Amino acid sequence: MSIKRILPLLVVVLAGLGALSSGPLTAQERPGPLRIVIDEGVIEPLPFAVPDFIAENGAAREYAARITRIVAADLQGTGLFREIPKEAFISSVTSFDAPVQFGDWKAINAQALITGAVSVSGRRLTVKFRLYDVFSGAPLGKGLQFAGTTASWRRMGHKVADAVYSRITGEGPYFDSRVAFIAESGPKNARVKRLAIMDYDGANVQYLTDGRALVLAPRFSPAGDRLLYTSYESGFPRVYLLDLGSLRRRALDEQPGTMSFAPRFSPDGRTVLLSLSVGGNTDIYSLDLATGKRRRLTSAPSIEIAPSFSPDGRQIVFTSDRSGSSQLYIMPAGGGEPRRISRGKGRYNTPVWSPRGDLIAFTKQNKGRFHIGVMQIDGTEERLLTSSFLDEGPTWAPNGRVIMFTRETAGAGGTSALYTVDTSGRNLRRVPMQGAASDPAWSPLLK
C-alpha cells in the first residue's frame, strides 16, 4: 500500500448520528483533500498523535481520556495508523484553542495531530475536535462541536475515529457499528450457545437468548434493527426474526415436517432468503415478511444452502453440491439457472457478498486446512486471506474493507474466537473479548 498526501489536510468533522447533534460548518471549516491510497499489501503505518482531550469542566474528566483512547485504539487497530506514545511528546495541549507548536510535533515525526475537548452538563456531553497536518503547519478549520448523552461517550469516540479514518483513507467508516454473534461456554462436547450483540471492538456485550436452546447464524437487517437467527428449541432448526428494540421474536416458517436455516435479509429488508428442507431435499426459498408467502428458487436433488443477496438485490450467491462437492453458484434473485463461479481445488461454503458489490467472501476447505478468502463475482482473482485448523463464517464490515470470522483451535480443549482481517490479507487480529465466540454478523453503521 502507498500513502499519497495531497495538502492541505482538512478539518475532520463528525456528522451527528442518532442522539448526536452538530452545528453547521463555516466556509473556512469545509474539508479539503487527504488520502491514504490502499493499493498494495504492505504499508508503513501513518504516525499520528492524539493528546488526551481536554476536560473543560470537572464532570468531563472521566470521559475525556476514555474518548481519546477509543479514537486511538480504533485508528491503530486498522493497521494503517501508528500512535506515537505520549512519553515521546515534547509539547502538551492544555487548551483546545491554544496555538499548536508544530515544530514539537514534527520533531517526533507525527504526521497527523488530533486534538479535542469534552464538557458535561447534567447528562449532556459535548465533544469538539480538530485534525491538523503537522508538516504543513496548518490548523484545519476552527473545529466542530457536537453533543449527545453521557451514555453515548463510546459512540462519540468511534464517530471521531470514523471521520478521521474515512477522510485520510477515502474508505467508508465502520467503527460505529455492532456485531451479533454466538457466545459460547462450557466444554467442547456440551457447549452452551447464546445469541449476543456487542460493539464492533468487543465492548458492551448483551445477551439476547438464555442458552437453553442451541442458536446459530445471526444476520442483521439492512437497518440494523432486527436479527434473523436459527434456533433448535423445537428440536429441529427453525429460523426466527428478533426485533432488537422490543426483543419480540417470531418463527418465520412453522410448517410441520420442515427445517429452515441459513437465513439472510434482502437489501430492502422486506424479503428473507433461507434454506428449507422438505421431504429430505434442501433448497433455497424466498419469504415475504409482510405476507408470509414463500417462493422456491432452486429445485435440484442436491443441497442448496447459505444464500446471500448482491447489494442491488438482483442476484444471489449460494453453496451447492450439485457438482459433487460444495461449490459457489450465482443465480438471478427471482430464481433461474445457476452458474458456478468457484473453480479452485477444495470445497467452498458460506459465501457473502461485499457491501460494495465487488467481491464475494467465502470459507474454503482444502488439504485439511480452512481458509477465509475473497474472489471477484465472476470467480476470478481468488485470494486466500487466512489459513488455520478451522476458519469459517466471514462477515463484512459496513465499508467492505474488513472481514470478521470465526477461528477455532484444534484439540479437545480448543475454543472459538472472533478475528478480523483486511481484504488484502494483512492485519489479522483477534477481537478482544472474554469467553469463546462464533458466527459473527456485522451490522450496518448505526443511525
Foldseek 3Di string as FASTA:
>chain_A
DAFDADDDFAWFDFPAFDQKHWDDADPQRDGDAAAGEDDALDDDAAEAEEAQAAEPDDVCVVLRNVLSVLLVCVRVLVVNHDYDDPVQQPDHDHDQPDQDPLVRVVVSVHQKYKYKHWYDDPQKIKIKMTMHGSVVSDTHGPIIMMMGGVVCSSLVSQRSNQRVVCRNHVFHGFQQWKKWWWFWDDFPVDIQTFIWMAGPQAPDIDTLDDRPWDKAAWAAAQQRQKIWIWTCPVVATFIKIAGNVVRDMDTLDDDPQKHWHQWYAALVRQKIWIWMAHPNAIFIWIAGPVPSDIDTADDDRWHWGQWEAQNVRFKIWTWTCPVPATFIWMDTNNHDDIDTQADDPFHWHNWYAFNVRFKIWIWTDDPQKIFIWIAGPNNPPIDTLDIDNDWGAWEARQRRFKIKTWDWHDDSRIAIFIWMAGNSSPSIGTRDYDHGIHNMYIHHRHD
